[in-house]
Amino acid sequence: MISASAKDLLAQHGLSPKSSFGQNFLQDRNLSDKLAALCALPGATVLELGAGLGALTTPLLERELHVIAVERDRDLIPVLRAELAAAIAAGRLELVEGDAKAIDPALTLARFPRPHVLAGNLPYNITGPLIENAVRARPELDRVVFLLQLEVADRLASSPGDEDYGALSVFVQAAYRVERPLVIRRGAFYPQPRVDSAVVVFTPQAQPVPETEAFRDLVKAAFSQRRKKLRNAWHGVLGRSSAELESAAERVGIDLEIRGERLGVAEFAAMAQELER
């Protein structure tokens, strides 16, 4: 298993971090252990996006979990193969060289028994697409554990009325219950990023809200100009007249004189359902 720091391991193999890949390697073993513990559903298969230098892969394997580790950087694949050879030989680790954005989590995990966990230290520049993939894969996932930029984590976990609450909050919370259990300061990474990070945990909603066209359009319109009241933000949405929108809002108990940031997922869903009738 890997025990050297990220800086030392890179130096041993004549490598350096690639800014084009958004590489910031977690090198605090205590924090890696905490991250792995959040993934450790008994008997789980973990799909890890961005294995890097194995900071999360190693404690996952130590917890007797089956791991499928995806890594885009072809220079890091030989390092992982050498350092984690025993786990590969035992069939507990599969290394996949590829772009995490192109991986279908549901399809990749479907061949393994549940529970299924999606995890990873997400590069800041591709966080959005990877979160979208996680939302689409919700039926096949039992938990999602992501390490990402603190600002994004705050948006994901925010509630109606919070400053950080927005369209991303609504779309993710329609599929998952979101918690932010851990903040990780920038000094825990090599090289050190300019911002702090946080861990978010997604737990599938028992009754998820389907992302229909009406739901999607209502949410996007409500937050496209945050200062607008719903009466103006929703004007013409889905081709509905002002009278139709007002009538639908009255039936589901939504005040069009408030702003979208005050509405929860259930209220957006109720309005969408009413307009789809």
Protein backbone atom coordinates (compact mmCIF):
# COMPACT_ATOMS: atom_id res chain seq x y z
CA MET A 1 0.00 0.00 0.00
CA ILE A 2 1.03 3.61 -0.59
CA SER A 3 2.55 5.35 2.42
CA ALA A 4 4.83 8.03 0.92
CA SER A 5 3.64 11.62 0.65
CA ALA A 6 2.40 12.85 -2.71
CA LYS A 7 5.45 15.09 -3.11
CA ASP A 8 7.89 12.27 -2.34
CA LEU A 9 6.09 9.73 -4.50
CA LEU A 10 6.07 12.05 -7.50
CA ALA A 11 9.77 12.76 -6.99
CA GLN A 12 10.55 9.03 -6.80
CA HIS A 13 9.01 8.54 -10.23
CA GLY A 14 10.38 11.72 -11.79
CA LEU A 15 6.95 13.34 -12.06
CA SER A 16 5.39 16.66 -11.12
CA PRO A 17 1.77 17.83 -10.74
CA LYS A 18 -0.03 18.78 -13.95
CA SER A 19 -1.99 21.99 -13.63
CA SER A 20 -3.80 21.21 -16.89
CA PHE A 21 -5.39 18.22 -15.12
CA GLY A 22 -6.23 20.26 -12.04
CA GLN A 23 -4.06 17.99 -9.89
CA ASN A 24 -4.01 18.76 -6.18
CA PHE A 25 -3.13 15.58 -4.30
CA LEU A 26 -4.52 15.01 -0.81
CA GLN A 27 -1.55 14.06 1.36
CA ASP A 28 -2.96 14.05 4.89
CA ARG A 29 -3.43 10.37 5.75
CA ASN A 30 -5.75 11.10 8.65
CA LEU A 31 -8.11 12.97 6.31
CA SER A 32 -7.87 10.23 3.69
CA ASP A 33 -8.94 7.73 6.34
CA LYS A 34 -11.94 9.88 7.27
CA LEU A 35 -12.91 10.16 3.61
CA ALA A 36 -12.62 6.38 3.14
CA ALA A 37 -14.69 5.76 6.27
CA LEU A 38 -17.55 7.72 4.74
CA CYS A 39 -17.42 5.40 1.70
CA ALA A 40 -17.24 2.20 3.71
CA LEU A 41 -20.67 0.64 3.35
CA PRO A 42 -20.21 -3.05 4.21
CA GLY A 43 -19.35 -5.11 1.15
CA ALA A 44 -19.46 -2.10 -1.15
CA THR A 45 -17.94 -1.64 -4.57
CA VAL A 46 -16.49 1.85 -4.83
CA LEU A 47 -16.05 3.62 -8.15
CA GLU A 48 -13.30 6.17 -7.50
CA LEU A 49 -13.01 9.05 -9.95
CA GLY A 50 -9.47 10.38 -10.19
CA ALA A 51 -7.32 7.93 -8.25
CA GLY A 52 -4.31 10.24 -8.49
CA LEU A 53 -1.57 8.77 -6.31
CA GLY A 54 -3.89 6.49 -4.35
CA ALA A 55 -4.55 8.72 -1.34
CA LEU A 56 -8.14 7.48 -1.14
CA THR A 57 -7.60 4.17 -2.95
CA THR A 58 -5.26 2.86 -0.25
CA PRO A 59 -7.58 3.31 2.79
CA LEU A 60 -10.52 2.00 0.74
CA LEU A 61 -8.61 -1.21 0.06
CA GLU A 62 -7.58 -1.46 3.70
CA ARG A 63 -11.29 -1.57 4.53
CA GLU A 64 -11.70 -4.68 2.34
CA LEU A 65 -13.78 -2.83 -0.26
CA HIS A 66 -13.72 -3.65 -3.96
CA VAL A 67 -12.43 -0.59 -5.84
CA ILE A 68 -12.64 0.47 -9.46
CA ALA A 69 -10.20 3.38 -9.75
CA VAL A 70 -10.33 5.69 -12.76
CA GLU A 71 -7.31 7.83 -13.61
CA ARG A 72 -6.82 10.02 -16.66
CA ASP A 73 -3.10 10.75 -16.26
CA ARG A 74 -1.26 7.95 -18.07
CA ASP A 75 1.92 8.81 -16.18
CA LEU A 76 0.26 7.92 -12.88
CA ILE A 77 -1.11 4.55 -13.99
CA PRO A 78 2.30 2.78 -13.75
CA VAL A 79 2.81 4.29 -10.29
CA LEU A 80 -0.54 2.94 -9.10
CA ARG A 81 0.10 -0.46 -10.69
CA ALA A 82 3.45 -0.75 -8.93
CA GLU A 83 2.35 0.56 -5.54
CA LEU A 84 -0.93 -1.37 -5.43
CA ALA A 85 0.16 -4.54 -7.21
CA ALA A 86 -0.99 -6.87 -4.42
CA ALA A 87 -4.55 -5.54 -4.47
CA ILE A 88 -4.67 -5.79 -8.26
CA ALA A 89 -3.39 -9.38 -8.17
CA ALA A 90 -6.00 -10.25 -5.54
CA GLY A 91 -8.79 -8.89 -7.74
CA ARG A 92 -9.78 -6.22 -5.23
CA LEU A 93 -8.66 -3.30 -7.37
CA GLU A 94 -9.35 -2.55 -11.02
CA LEU A 95 -7.46 0.33 -12.61
CA VAL A 96 -9.13 2.10 -15.52
CA GLU A 97 -7.20 4.62 -17.59
CA GLY A 98 -9.76 7.12 -18.80
CA ASP A 99 -11.52 10.44 -18.44
CA ALA A 100 -13.81 10.50 -15.41
CA LYS A 101 -16.34 12.62 -17.34
CA ALA A 102 -16.76 9.81 -19.87
CA ILE A 103 -17.44 7.14 -17.24
CA ASP A 104 -21.06 6.09 -16.77
CA PRO A 105 -21.27 5.25 -13.04
CA ALA A 106 -24.49 3.27 -13.36
CA LEU A 107 -23.20 1.14 -16.24
CA THR A 108 -19.81 0.59 -14.60
CA LEU A 109 -21.25 -0.51 -11.26
CA ALA A 110 -24.22 -2.52 -12.56
CA ARG A 111 -22.16 -5.71 -12.88
CA PHE A 112 -21.38 -5.74 -9.15
CA PRO A 113 -23.73 -6.51 -6.24
CA ARG A 114 -24.98 -3.62 -4.12
CA PRO A 115 -24.11 -1.46 -2.30
CA HIS A 116 -22.52 0.90 -4.83
CA VAL A 117 -20.52 3.97 -3.84
CA LEU A 118 -19.26 6.75 -6.12
CA ALA A 119 -16.34 8.70 -4.70
CA GLY A 120 -13.49 10.99 -5.66
CA ASN A 121 -11.37 14.07 -5.14
CA LEU A 122 -12.86 16.12 -7.97
CA PRO A 123 -10.71 18.52 -10.00
CA TYR A 124 -12.25 21.97 -9.74
CA ASN A 125 -12.47 22.41 -13.51
CA ILE A 126 -14.73 19.37 -14.10
CA THR A 127 -16.80 19.29 -10.92
CA GLY A 128 -20.06 20.24 -12.69
CA PRO A 129 -20.16 17.38 -15.22
CA LEU A 130 -19.21 14.81 -12.57
CA ILE A 131 -22.01 15.98 -10.28
CA GLU A 132 -24.45 15.78 -13.20
CA ASN A 133 -23.32 12.20 -13.87
CA ALA A 134 -23.90 11.34 -10.22
CA VAL A 135 -27.44 12.74 -10.36
CA ARG A 136 -28.25 10.72 -13.49
CA ALA A 137 -26.85 7.55 -11.89
CA ARG A 138 -28.88 7.88 -8.66
CA PRO A 139 -30.93 4.66 -9.17
CA GLU A 140 -27.72 2.62 -9.22
CA LEU A 141 -25.96 4.37 -6.33
CA ASP A 142 -26.26 3.92 -2.56
CA ARG A 143 -23.91 6.74 -1.59
CA VAL A 144 -21.80 9.46 -3.20
CA VAL A 145 -18.76 10.93 -1.44
CA PHE A 146 -17.03 13.82 -3.17
CA LEU A 147 -14.17 16.04 -2.10
CA LEU A 148 -14.57 19.38 -3.85
CA GLN A 149 -14.19 23.12 -3.60
CA LEU A 150 -15.66 24.49 -0.37
CA GLU A 151 -17.75 27.07 -2.22
CA VAL A 152 -19.40 24.34 -4.32
CA ALA A 153 -19.95 22.14 -1.25
CA ASP A 154 -21.72 25.01 0.49
CA ARG A 155 -24.00 25.49 -2.53
CA LEU A 156 -24.86 21.80 -2.65
CA ALA A 157 -25.74 21.59 1.04
CA SER A 158 -27.56 24.93 1.36
CA SER A 159 -31.23 25.38 2.20
CA PRO A 160 -33.93 27.72 0.83
CA GLY A 161 -33.18 31.28 1.88
CA ASP A 162 -29.43 30.71 2.25
CA GLU A 163 -27.08 32.95 0.31
CA ASP A 164 -25.51 29.92 -1.41
CA TYR A 165 -28.82 28.31 -2.37
CA GLY A 166 -29.37 28.09 -6.12
CA ALA A 167 -30.27 25.93 -9.10
CA LEU A 168 -27.44 23.46 -8.39
CA SER A 169 -28.75 22.99 -4.85
CA VAL A 170 -32.24 22.21 -6.14
CA PHE A 171 -31.22 19.80 -8.90
CA VAL A 172 -28.94 17.77 -6.62
CA GLN A 173 -31.31 17.78 -3.65
CA ALA A 174 -34.11 16.55 -5.91
CA ALA A 175 -32.11 13.31 -6.20
CA TYR A 176 -30.12 13.19 -2.96
CA ARG A 177 -30.04 14.27 0.64
CA VAL A 178 -26.82 16.28 0.94
CA GLU A 179 -24.53 16.60 3.96
CA ARG A 180 -21.22 18.45 4.34
CA PRO A 181 -19.45 16.61 7.18
CA LEU A 182 -15.89 17.76 6.73
CA VAL A 183 -13.95 20.87 5.70
CA ILE A 184 -10.39 20.31 4.45
CA ARG A 185 -8.01 23.27 4.43
CA ARG A 186 -5.80 23.96 1.44
CA GLY A 187 -2.62 23.01 3.31
CA ALA A 188 -3.64 19.33 3.21
CA PHE A 189 -2.92 19.18 -0.53
CA TYR A 190 0.14 19.13 -2.75
CA PRO A 191 0.45 21.42 -4.55
CA GLN A 192 -1.58 23.72 -2.33
CA PRO A 193 -4.67 25.10 -4.09
CA ARG A 194 -5.85 28.67 -3.65
CA VAL A 195 -9.10 27.67 -1.92
CA ASP A 196 -10.26 25.33 0.82
CA SER A 197 -12.19 22.14 0.12
CA ALA A 198 -14.95 20.13 1.76
CA VAL A 199 -16.43 16.66 1.68
CA VAL A 200 -20.05 16.19 0.65
CA VAL A 201 -22.06 13.01 1.10
CA PHE A 202 -25.09 12.31 -1.10
CA THR A 203 -27.68 9.81 0.12
CA PRO A 204 -30.36 8.86 -2.42
CA GLN A 205 -33.79 10.33 -1.74
CA ALA A 206 -36.39 7.64 -1.07
CA GLN A 207 -38.77 9.53 -3.35
CA PRO A 208 -36.67 11.53 -5.81
CA VAL A 209 -38.17 14.33 -7.84
CA PRO A 210 -37.97 13.56 -11.57
CA GLU A 211 -36.15 16.21 -13.57
CA THR A 212 -38.90 16.88 -16.09
CA GLU A 213 -38.79 19.69 -18.63
CA ALA A 214 -41.18 21.76 -16.53
CA PHE A 215 -39.17 21.24 -13.33
CA ARG A 216 -35.91 22.08 -15.07
CA ASP A 217 -37.29 25.22 -16.74
CA LEU A 218 -38.91 26.53 -13.57
CA VAL A 219 -35.72 26.10 -11.55
CA LYS A 220 -33.48 27.67 -14.18
CA ALA A 221 -35.82 30.64 -14.68
CA ALA A 222 -36.15 31.22 -10.93
CA PHE A 223 -32.39 31.57 -10.47
CA SER A 224 -31.32 33.09 -13.78
CA GLN A 225 -31.94 36.55 -12.30
CA ARG A 226 -32.01 36.01 -8.55
CA ARG A 227 -33.39 39.42 -7.65
CA LYS A 228 -36.54 38.97 -9.70
CA LYS A 229 -39.74 37.90 -8.04
CA LEU A 230 -41.25 34.69 -9.33
CA ARG A 231 -44.02 36.55 -11.14
CA ASN A 232 -41.40 38.14 -13.39
CA ALA A 233 -38.84 35.33 -13.41
CA TRP A 234 -41.44 32.82 -14.59
CA HIS A 235 -43.05 35.13 -17.14
CA GLY A 236 -43.60 33.13 -20.32
CA VAL A 237 -41.93 29.97 -18.97
CA LEU A 238 -43.11 26.84 -20.79
CA GLY A 239 -45.21 29.11 -23.01
CA ARG A 240 -47.74 29.66 -20.21
CA SER A 241 -49.61 32.93 -19.89
CA SER A 242 -49.43 35.06 -16.77
CA ALA A 243 -52.97 33.99 -15.90
CA GLU A 244 -52.09 30.29 -16.22
CA LEU A 245 -49.02 30.69 -14.04
CA GLU A 246 -50.94 32.62 -11.41
CA SER A 247 -53.72 30.05 -11.35
CA ALA A 248 -51.27 27.14 -11.01
CA ALA A 249 -49.32 28.92 -8.29
CA GLU A 250 -52.49 29.60 -6.34
CA ARG A 251 -53.52 25.94 -6.52
CA VAL A 252 -50.20 24.73 -5.07
CA GLY A 253 -49.85 27.55 -2.55
CA ILE A 254 -46.90 29.47 -4.03
CA ASP A 255 -46.69 33.23 -3.61
CA LEU A 256 -45.45 34.74 -6.88
CA GLU A 257 -44.31 37.87 -5.02
CA ILE A 258 -41.36 36.03 -3.45
CA ARG A 259 -38.03 35.17 -5.05
CA GLY A 260 -37.03 31.69 -6.23
CA GLU A 261 -34.42 31.32 -3.50
CA ARG A 262 -37.27 30.89 -1.02
CA LEU A 263 -38.69 27.77 -2.67
CA GLY A 264 -37.69 24.25 -1.71
CA VAL A 265 -37.46 21.23 -4.02
CA ALA A 266 -40.97 20.07 -3.14
CA GLU A 267 -42.47 23.44 -4.12
CA PHE A 268 -40.69 23.51 -7.47
CA ALA A 269 -41.88 19.95 -8.06
CA ALA A 270 -45.48 20.79 -7.14
CA MET A 271 -45.53 23.76 -9.51
CA ALA A 272 -44.01 21.69 -12.32
CA GLN A 273 -46.55 18.94 -11.82
CA GLU A 274 -49.39 21.42 -11.85
CA LEU A 275 -48.22 22.99 -15.10
CA GLU A 276 -47.78 19.58 -16.74
CA ARG A 277 -51.43 18.65 -16.18
